[in-house]
Amino acid sequence: MKLWGNTYWPAWLALLLVTFLPAEIYGLATGGKNTLSEWVWRTLKVTADESFWKFSATDYLVFGTWIVLVSWLTLHFFLHKFT
């Protein structure tokens, strides 16, 4: 029995990589103003000297979501937790 996930997930990851990586490399090669990190900093108005305690509610929401997602996926994928 062939599972659809055996095709879907590798294709999704490949599509994600193919759409993200060229744009990120081009952004870095052209001065770094069109990278994902620059977009996040510009959208959230994050400055280099900003204190963690001066974050806005949006900053905390995005930061918290990022930490939870990355932590959960790391534990789930590599340590087989939360199954």
PDB file of N, CA and C in Angstrom:
ATOM      1  N   MET A   1       0.842  -1.178   0.000  1.00  0.00           N
ATOM      2  CA  MET A   1       0.000   0.000   0.000  1.00  0.00           C
ATOM      3  C   MET A   1       0.889   1.244   0.000  1.00  0.00           C
ATOM      4  N   LYS A   2       0.732   2.067  -1.007  1.00  0.00           N
ATOM      5  CA  LYS A   2       1.517   3.293  -1.106  1.00  0.00           C
ATOM      6  C   LYS A   2       0.744   4.433  -0.459  1.00  0.00           C
ATOM      7  N   LEU A   3       1.407   5.122   0.442  1.00  0.00           N
ATOM      8  CA  LEU A   3       0.788   6.242   1.127  1.00  0.00           C
ATOM      9  C   LEU A   3       1.013   7.529   0.343  1.00  0.00           C
ATOM     10  N   TRP A   4      -0.003   8.387   0.300  1.00  0.00           N
ATOM     11  CA  TRP A   4       0.129   9.645  -0.433  1.00  0.00           C
ATOM     12  C   TRP A   4       1.178  10.545   0.200  1.00  0.00           C
ATOM     13  N   GLY A   5       1.406  10.398   1.508  1.00  0.00           N
ATOM     14  CA  GLY A   5       2.407  11.211   2.193  1.00  0.00           C
ATOM     15  C   GLY A   5       3.825  10.951   1.715  1.00  0.00           C
ATOM     16  N   ASN A   6       4.075   9.755   1.175  1.00  0.00           N
ATOM     17  CA  ASN A   6       5.406   9.437   0.658  1.00  0.00           C
ATOM     18  C   ASN A   6       5.765  10.298  -0.540  1.00  0.00           C
ATOM     19  N   THR A   7       4.770  10.831  -1.221  1.00  0.00           N
ATOM     20  CA  THR A   7       4.995  11.732  -2.352  1.00  0.00           C
ATOM     21  C   THR A   7       4.777  13.180  -1.956  1.00  0.00           C
ATOM     22  N   TYR A   8       3.723  13.431  -1.196  1.00  0.00           N
ATOM     23  CA  TYR A   8       3.340  14.801  -0.860  1.00  0.00           C
ATOM     24  C   TYR A   8       4.403  15.533  -0.053  1.00  0.00           C
ATOM     25  N   TRP A   9       4.865  14.963   1.068  1.00  0.00           N
ATOM     26  CA  TRP A   9       5.780  15.678   1.958  1.00  0.00           C
ATOM     27  C   TRP A   9       7.124  15.976   1.320  1.00  0.00           C
ATOM     28  N   PRO A  10       7.752  15.040   0.618  1.00  0.00           N
ATOM     29  CA  PRO A  10       9.002  15.406  -0.068  1.00  0.00           C
ATOM     30  C   PRO A  10       8.783  16.474  -1.153  1.00  0.00           C
ATOM     31  N   ALA A  11       7.650  16.380  -1.869  1.00  0.00           N
ATOM     32  CA  ALA A  11       7.351  17.391  -2.897  1.00  0.00           C
ATOM     33  C   ALA A  11       7.122  18.758  -2.254  1.00  0.00           C
ATOM     34  N   TRP A  12       6.409  18.799  -1.136  1.00  0.00           N
ATOM     35  CA  TRP A  12       6.155  20.060  -0.440  1.00  0.00           C
ATOM     36  C   TRP A  12       7.454  20.675   0.054  1.00  0.00           C
ATOM     37  N   LEU A  13       8.312  19.855   0.663  1.00  0.00           N
ATOM     38  CA  LEU A  13       9.591  20.359   1.147  1.00  0.00           C
ATOM     39  C   LEU A  13      10.474  20.849   0.002  1.00  0.00           C
ATOM     40  N   ALA A  14      10.460  20.125  -1.113  1.00  0.00           N
ATOM     41  CA  ALA A  14      11.239  20.553  -2.282  1.00  0.00           C
ATOM     42  C   ALA A  14      10.711  21.874  -2.836  1.00  0.00           C
ATOM     43  N   LEU A  15       9.390  22.017  -2.914  1.00  0.00           N
ATOM     44  CA  LEU A  15       8.792  23.258  -3.395  1.00  0.00           C
ATOM     45  C   LEU A  15       9.137  24.421  -2.466  1.00  0.00           C
ATOM     46  N   LEU A  16       9.071  24.166  -1.178  1.00  0.00           N
ATOM     47  CA  LEU A  16       9.430  25.188  -0.199  1.00  0.00           C
ATOM     48  C   LEU A  16      10.885  25.618  -0.385  1.00  0.00           C
ATOM     49  N   LEU A  17      11.770  24.663  -0.551  1.00  0.00           N
ATOM     50  CA  LEU A  17      13.185  24.960  -0.743  1.00  0.00           C
ATOM     51  C   LEU A  17      13.427  25.706  -2.054  1.00  0.00           C
ATOM     52  N   VAL A  18      12.781  25.269  -3.123  1.00  0.00           N
ATOM     53  CA  VAL A  18      12.966  25.882  -4.441  1.00  0.00           C
ATOM     54  C   VAL A  18      12.419  27.310  -4.484  1.00  0.00           C
ATOM     55  N   THR A  19      11.365  27.596  -3.717  1.00  0.00           N
ATOM     56  CA  THR A  19      10.811  28.952  -3.720  1.00  0.00           C
ATOM     57  C   THR A  19      11.518  29.863  -2.722  1.00  0.00           C
ATOM     58  N   PHE A  20      12.092  29.298  -1.660  1.00  0.00           N
ATOM     59  CA  PHE A  20      12.738  30.119  -0.638  1.00  0.00           C
ATOM     60  C   PHE A  20      14.208  30.395  -0.942  1.00  0.00           C
ATOM     61  N   LEU A  21      14.960  29.355  -1.217  1.00  0.00           N
ATOM     62  CA  LEU A  21      16.412  29.476  -1.316  1.00  0.00           C
ATOM     63  C   LEU A  21      16.902  30.419  -2.413  1.00  0.00           C
ATOM     64  N   PRO A  22      16.398  30.346  -3.643  1.00  0.00           N
ATOM     65  CA  PRO A  22      16.888  31.288  -4.662  1.00  0.00           C
ATOM     66  C   PRO A  22      16.627  32.754  -4.296  1.00  0.00           C
ATOM     67  N   ALA A  23      15.445  33.034  -3.737  1.00  0.00           N
ATOM     68  CA  ALA A  23      15.129  34.412  -3.355  1.00  0.00           C
ATOM     69  C   ALA A  23      16.032  34.879  -2.222  1.00  0.00           C
ATOM     70  N   GLU A  24      16.297  34.011  -1.270  1.00  0.00           N
ATOM     71  CA  GLU A  24      17.159  34.372  -0.136  1.00  0.00           C
ATOM     72  C   GLU A  24      18.603  34.587  -0.592  1.00  0.00           C
ATOM     73  N   ILE A  25      19.102  33.723  -1.451  1.00  0.00           N
ATOM     74  CA  ILE A  25      20.467  33.875  -1.977  1.00  0.00           C
ATOM     75  C   ILE A  25      20.577  35.151  -2.794  1.00  0.00           C
ATOM     76  N   TYR A  26      19.583  35.399  -3.653  1.00  0.00           N
ATOM     77  CA  TYR A  26      19.585  36.636  -4.443  1.00  0.00           C
ATOM     78  C   TYR A  26      19.533  37.863  -3.525  1.00  0.00           C
ATOM     79  N   GLY A  27      18.694  37.812  -2.498  1.00  0.00           N
ATOM     80  CA  GLY A  27      18.609  38.918  -1.550  1.00  0.00           C
ATOM     81  C   GLY A  27      19.929  39.177  -0.849  1.00  0.00           C
ATOM     82  N   LEU A  28      20.616  38.117  -0.462  1.00  0.00           N
ATOM     83  CA  LEU A  28      21.926  38.270   0.183  1.00  0.00           C
ATOM     84  C   LEU A  28      22.969  38.805  -0.799  1.00  0.00           C
ATOM     85  N   ALA A  29      22.930  38.312  -2.032  1.00  0.00           N
ATOM     86  CA  ALA A  29      23.908  38.736  -3.035  1.00  0.00           C
ATOM     87  C   ALA A  29      23.727  40.191  -3.458  1.00  0.00           C
ATOM     88  N   THR A  30      22.518  40.719  -3.294  1.00  0.00           N
ATOM     89  CA  THR A  30      22.250  42.098  -3.718  1.00  0.00           C
ATOM     90  C   THR A  30      22.185  43.075  -2.554  1.00  0.00           C
ATOM     91  N   GLY A  31      22.833  42.725  -1.454  1.00  0.00           N
ATOM     92  CA  GLY A  31      22.937  43.682  -0.365  1.00  0.00           C
ATOM     93  C   GLY A  31      22.134  43.353   0.875  1.00  0.00           C
ATOM     94  N   GLY A  32      21.342  42.309   0.863  1.00  0.00           N
ATOM     95  CA  GLY A  32      20.633  41.869   2.056  1.00  0.00           C
ATOM     96  C   GLY A  32      19.354  42.602   2.389  1.00  0.00           C
ATOM     97  N   LYS A  33      18.858  43.464   1.520  1.00  0.00           N
ATOM     98  CA  LYS A  33      17.631  44.206   1.823  1.00  0.00           C
ATOM     99  C   LYS A  33      16.362  43.452   1.425  1.00  0.00           C
ATOM    100  N   ASN A  34      16.491  42.330   0.742  1.00  0.00           N
ATOM    101  CA  ASN A  34      15.323  41.556   0.323  1.00  0.00           C
ATOM    102  C   ASN A  34      15.336  40.144   0.899  1.00  0.00           C
ATOM    103  N   THR A  35      15.935  39.983   2.076  1.00  0.00           N
ATOM    104  CA  THR A  35      15.974  38.673   2.719  1.00  0.00           C
ATOM    105  C   THR A  35      14.774  38.517   3.654  1.00  0.00           C
ATOM    106  N   LEU A  36      14.516  37.294   4.067  1.00  0.00           N
ATOM    107  CA  LEU A  36      13.420  37.039   4.997  1.00  0.00           C
ATOM    108  C   LEU A  36      13.657  37.765   6.316  1.00  0.00           C
ATOM    109  N   SER A  37      14.879  37.707   6.828  1.00  0.00           N
ATOM    110  CA  SER A  37      15.157  38.364   8.107  1.00  0.00           C
ATOM    111  C   SER A  37      14.975  39.870   8.004  1.00  0.00           C
ATOM    112  N   GLU A  38      15.414  40.476   6.911  1.00  0.00           N
ATOM    113  CA  GLU A  38      15.239  41.925   6.733  1.00  0.00           C
ATOM    114  C   GLU A  38      13.758  42.284   6.665  1.00  0.00           C
ATOM    115  N   TRP A  39      12.972  41.445   6.002  1.00  0.00           N
ATOM    116  CA  TRP A  39      11.526  41.687   5.919  1.00  0.00           C
ATOM    117  C   TRP A  39      10.882  41.625   7.301  1.00  0.00           C
ATOM    118  N   VAL A  40      11.269  40.609   8.106  1.00  0.00           N
ATOM    119  CA  VAL A  40      10.724  40.492   9.463  1.00  0.00           C
ATOM    120  C   VAL A  40      11.118  41.712  10.285  1.00  0.00           C
ATOM    121  N   TRP A  41      12.377  42.114  10.230  1.00  0.00           N
ATOM    122  CA  TRP A  41      12.838  43.270  11.000  1.00  0.00           C
ATOM    123  C   TRP A  41      12.085  44.536  10.586  1.00  0.00           C
ATOM    124  N   ARG A  42      11.906  44.702   9.284  1.00  0.00           N
ATOM    125  CA  ARG A  42      11.217  45.890   8.780  1.00  0.00           C
ATOM    126  C   ARG A  42       9.731  45.867   9.151  1.00  0.00           C
ATOM    127  N   THR A  43       9.087  44.717   9.015  1.00  0.00           N
ATOM    128  CA  THR A  43       7.661  44.599   9.305  1.00  0.00           C
ATOM    129  C   THR A  43       7.371  44.776  10.793  1.00  0.00           C
ATOM    130  N   LEU A  44       8.195  44.182  11.642  1.00  0.00           N
ATOM    131  CA  LEU A  44       8.000  44.289  13.084  1.00  0.00           C
ATOM    132  C   LEU A  44       8.689  45.514  13.682  1.00  0.00           C
ATOM    133  N   LYS A  45       9.402  46.260  12.828  1.00  0.00           N
ATOM    134  CA  LYS A  45      10.130  47.465  13.272  1.00  0.00           C
ATOM    135  C   LYS A  45      11.127  47.133  14.386  1.00  0.00           C
ATOM    136  N   VAL A  46      11.892  46.063  14.182  1.00  0.00           N
ATOM    137  CA  VAL A  46      12.913  45.637  15.135  1.00  0.00           C
ATOM    138  C   VAL A  46      14.207  46.374  14.813  1.00  0.00           C
ATOM    139  N   THR A  47      14.832  46.946  15.847  1.00  0.00           N
ATOM    140  CA  THR A  47      16.110  47.623  15.662  1.00  0.00           C
ATOM    141  C   THR A  47      17.209  46.813  16.334  1.00  0.00           C
ATOM    142  N   ALA A  48      18.439  47.056  15.935  1.00  0.00           N
ATOM    143  CA  ALA A  48      19.567  46.287  16.450  1.00  0.00           C
ATOM    144  C   ALA A  48      19.758  46.475  17.954  1.00  0.00           C
ATOM    145  N   ASP A  49      19.437  47.640  18.463  1.00  0.00           N
ATOM    146  CA  ASP A  49      19.650  47.908  19.884  1.00  0.00           C
ATOM    147  C   ASP A  49      18.366  47.786  20.710  1.00  0.00           C
ATOM    148  N   GLU A  50      17.337  47.174  20.139  1.00  0.00           N
ATOM    149  CA  GLU A  50      16.056  47.047  20.848  1.00  0.00           C
ATOM    150  C   GLU A  50      16.166  46.052  21.994  1.00  0.00           C
ATOM    151  N   SER A  51      15.668  46.438  23.134  1.00  0.00           N
ATOM    152  CA  SER A  51      15.656  45.575  24.308  1.00  0.00           C
ATOM    153  C   SER A  51      14.495  44.584  24.199  1.00  0.00           C
ATOM    154  N   PHE A  52      14.728  43.377  24.710  1.00  0.00           N
ATOM    155  CA  PHE A  52      13.684  42.354  24.713  1.00  0.00           C
ATOM    156  C   PHE A  52      12.446  42.849  25.459  1.00  0.00           C
ATOM    157  N   TRP A  53      12.633  43.675  26.454  1.00  0.00           N
ATOM    158  CA  TRP A  53      11.540  44.172  27.285  1.00  0.00           C
ATOM    159  C   TRP A  53      10.710  45.249  26.594  1.00  0.00           C
ATOM    160  N   LYS A  54      11.202  45.762  25.468  1.00  0.00           N
ATOM    161  CA  LYS A  54      10.465  46.804  24.743  1.00  0.00           C
ATOM    162  C   LYS A  54       9.722  46.251  23.531  1.00  0.00           C
ATOM    163  N   PHE A  55       9.652  44.934  23.414  1.00  0.00           N
ATOM    164  CA  PHE A  55       8.927  44.317  22.302  1.00  0.00           C
ATOM    165  C   PHE A  55       7.456  44.719  22.355  1.00  0.00           C
ATOM    166  N   SER A  56       6.857  44.805  21.180  1.00  0.00           N
ATOM    167  CA  SER A  56       5.412  45.038  21.111  1.00  0.00           C
ATOM    168  C   SER A  56       4.688  43.699  21.270  1.00  0.00           C
ATOM    169  N   ALA A  57       3.373  43.752  21.370  1.00  0.00           N
ATOM    170  CA  ALA A  57       2.580  42.526  21.479  1.00  0.00           C
ATOM    171  C   ALA A  57       2.780  41.646  20.247  1.00  0.00           C
ATOM    172  N   THR A  58       2.882  42.264  19.086  1.00  0.00           N
ATOM    173  CA  THR A  58       3.106  41.506  17.846  1.00  0.00           C
ATOM    174  C   THR A  58       4.462  40.823  17.878  1.00  0.00           C
ATOM    175  N   ASP A  59       5.474  41.533  18.364  1.00  0.00           N
ATOM    176  CA  ASP A  59       6.808  40.935  18.486  1.00  0.00           C
ATOM    177  C   ASP A  59       6.758  39.679  19.344  1.00  0.00           C
ATOM    178  N   TYR A  60       6.104  39.789  20.508  1.00  0.00           N
ATOM    179  CA  TYR A  60       5.997  38.634  21.406  1.00  0.00           C
ATOM    180  C   TYR A  60       5.209  37.500  20.778  1.00  0.00           C
ATOM    181  N   LEU A  61       4.159  37.820  20.055  1.00  0.00           N
ATOM    182  CA  LEU A  61       3.352  36.792  19.409  1.00  0.00           C
ATOM    183  C   LEU A  61       4.162  36.035  18.357  1.00  0.00           C
ATOM    184  N   VAL A  62       4.859  36.761  17.500  1.00  0.00           N
ATOM    185  CA  VAL A  62       5.680  36.131  16.456  1.00  0.00           C
ATOM    186  C   VAL A  62       6.825  35.349  17.095  1.00  0.00           C
ATOM    187  N   PHE A  63       7.497  35.947  18.069  1.00  0.00           N
ATOM    188  CA  PHE A  63       8.606  35.290  18.757  1.00  0.00           C
ATOM    189  C   PHE A  63       8.137  34.013  19.447  1.00  0.00           C
ATOM    190  N   GLY A  64       7.035  34.092  20.174  1.00  0.00           N
ATOM    191  CA  GLY A  64       6.497  32.921  20.864  1.00  0.00           C
ATOM    192  C   GLY A  64       6.088  31.818  19.909  1.00  0.00           C
ATOM    193  N   THR A  65       5.452  32.196  18.817  1.00  0.00           N
ATOM    194  CA  THR A  65       5.049  31.207  17.807  1.00  0.00           C
ATOM    195  C   THR A  65       6.271  30.516  17.227  1.00  0.00           C
ATOM    196  N   TRP A  66       7.296  31.293  16.927  1.00  0.00           N
ATOM    197  CA  TRP A  66       8.541  30.752  16.369  1.00  0.00           C
ATOM    198  C   TRP A  66       9.175  29.754  17.346  1.00  0.00           C
ATOM    199  N   ILE A  67       9.300  30.150  18.609  1.00  0.00           N
ATOM    200  CA  ILE A  67       9.930  29.285  19.616  1.00  0.00           C
ATOM    201  C   ILE A  67       9.139  27.992  19.792  1.00  0.00           C
ATOM    202  N   VAL A  68       7.829  28.094  19.902  1.00  0.00           N
ATOM    203  CA  VAL A  68       6.997  26.904  20.092  1.00  0.00           C
ATOM    204  C   VAL A  68       7.096  25.990  18.871  1.00  0.00           C
ATOM    205  N   LEU A  69       6.983  26.546  17.683  1.00  0.00           N
ATOM    206  CA  LEU A  69       7.023  25.736  16.469  1.00  0.00           C
ATOM    207  C   LEU A  69       8.364  25.035  16.301  1.00  0.00           C
ATOM    208  N   VAL A  70       9.450  25.764  16.444  1.00  0.00           N
ATOM    209  CA  VAL A  70      10.772  25.170  16.267  1.00  0.00           C
ATOM    210  C   VAL A  70      11.063  24.147  17.359  1.00  0.00           C
ATOM    211  N   SER A  71      10.728  24.473  18.598  1.00  0.00           N
ATOM    212  CA  SER A  71      10.955  23.525  19.704  1.00  0.00           C
ATOM    213  C   SER A  71      10.130  22.259  19.514  1.00  0.00           C
ATOM    214  N   TRP A  72       8.845  22.439  19.206  1.00  0.00           N
ATOM    215  CA  TRP A  72       7.980  21.278  19.047  1.00  0.00           C
ATOM    216  C   TRP A  72       8.442  20.397  17.885  1.00  0.00           C
ATOM    217  N   LEU A  73       8.742  21.002  16.742  1.00  0.00           N
ATOM    218  CA  LEU A  73       9.158  20.200  15.586  1.00  0.00           C
ATOM    219  C   LEU A  73      10.477  19.492  15.843  1.00  0.00           C
ATOM    220  N   THR A  74      11.404  20.147  16.525  1.00  0.00           N
ATOM    221  CA  THR A  74      12.679  19.509  16.839  1.00  0.00           C
ATOM    222  C   THR A  74      12.468  18.297  17.740  1.00  0.00           C
ATOM    223  N   LEU A  75      11.703  18.470  18.800  1.00  0.00           N
ATOM    224  CA  LEU A  75      11.429  17.350  19.701  1.00  0.00           C
ATOM    225  C   LEU A  75      10.636  16.243  19.003  1.00  0.00           C
ATOM    226  N   HIS A  76       9.693  16.635  18.181  1.00  0.00           N
ATOM    227  CA  HIS A  76       8.846  15.660  17.493  1.00  0.00           C
ATOM    228  C   HIS A  76       9.631  14.867  16.445  1.00  0.00           C
ATOM    229  N   PHE A  77      10.372  15.559  15.590  1.00  0.00           N
ATOM    230  CA  PHE A  77      11.094  14.885  14.502  1.00  0.00           C
ATOM    231  C   PHE A  77      12.267  14.050  15.002  1.00  0.00           C
ATOM    232  N   PHE A  78      13.064  14.601  15.904  1.00  0.00           N
ATOM    233  CA  PHE A  78      14.328  13.965  16.236  1.00  0.00           C
ATOM    234  C   PHE A  78      14.323  13.178  17.536  1.00  0.00           C
ATOM    235  N   LEU A  79      13.398  13.449  18.427  1.00  0.00           N
ATOM    236  CA  LEU A  79      13.331  12.723  19.685  1.00  0.00           C
ATOM    237  C   LEU A  79      12.030  11.932  19.834  1.00  0.00           C
ATOM    238  N   HIS A  80      11.203  11.987  18.809  1.00  0.00           N
ATOM    239  CA  HIS A  80       9.954  11.221  18.742  1.00  0.00           C
ATOM    240  C   HIS A  80       9.031  11.504  19.914  1.00  0.00           C
ATOM    241  N   LYS A  81       8.947  12.769  20.300  1.00  0.00           N
ATOM    242  CA  LYS A  81       8.045  13.201  21.376  1.00  0.00           C
ATOM    243  C   LYS A  81       6.747  13.720  20.772  1.00  0.00           C
ATOM    244  N   PHE A  82       5.729  13.829  21.579  1.00  0.00           N
ATOM    245  CA  PHE A  82       4.427  14.393  21.185  1.00  0.00           C
ATOM    246  C   PHE A  82       3.771  13.590  20.062  1.00  0.00           C
ATOM    247  N   THR A  83       3.847  12.286  20.140  1.00  0.00           N
ATOM    248  CA  THR A  83       3.234  11.456  19.086  1.00  0.00           C
ATOM    249  C   THR A  83       1.928  10.886  19.549  1.00  0.00           C
TER     250      THR A  83
END
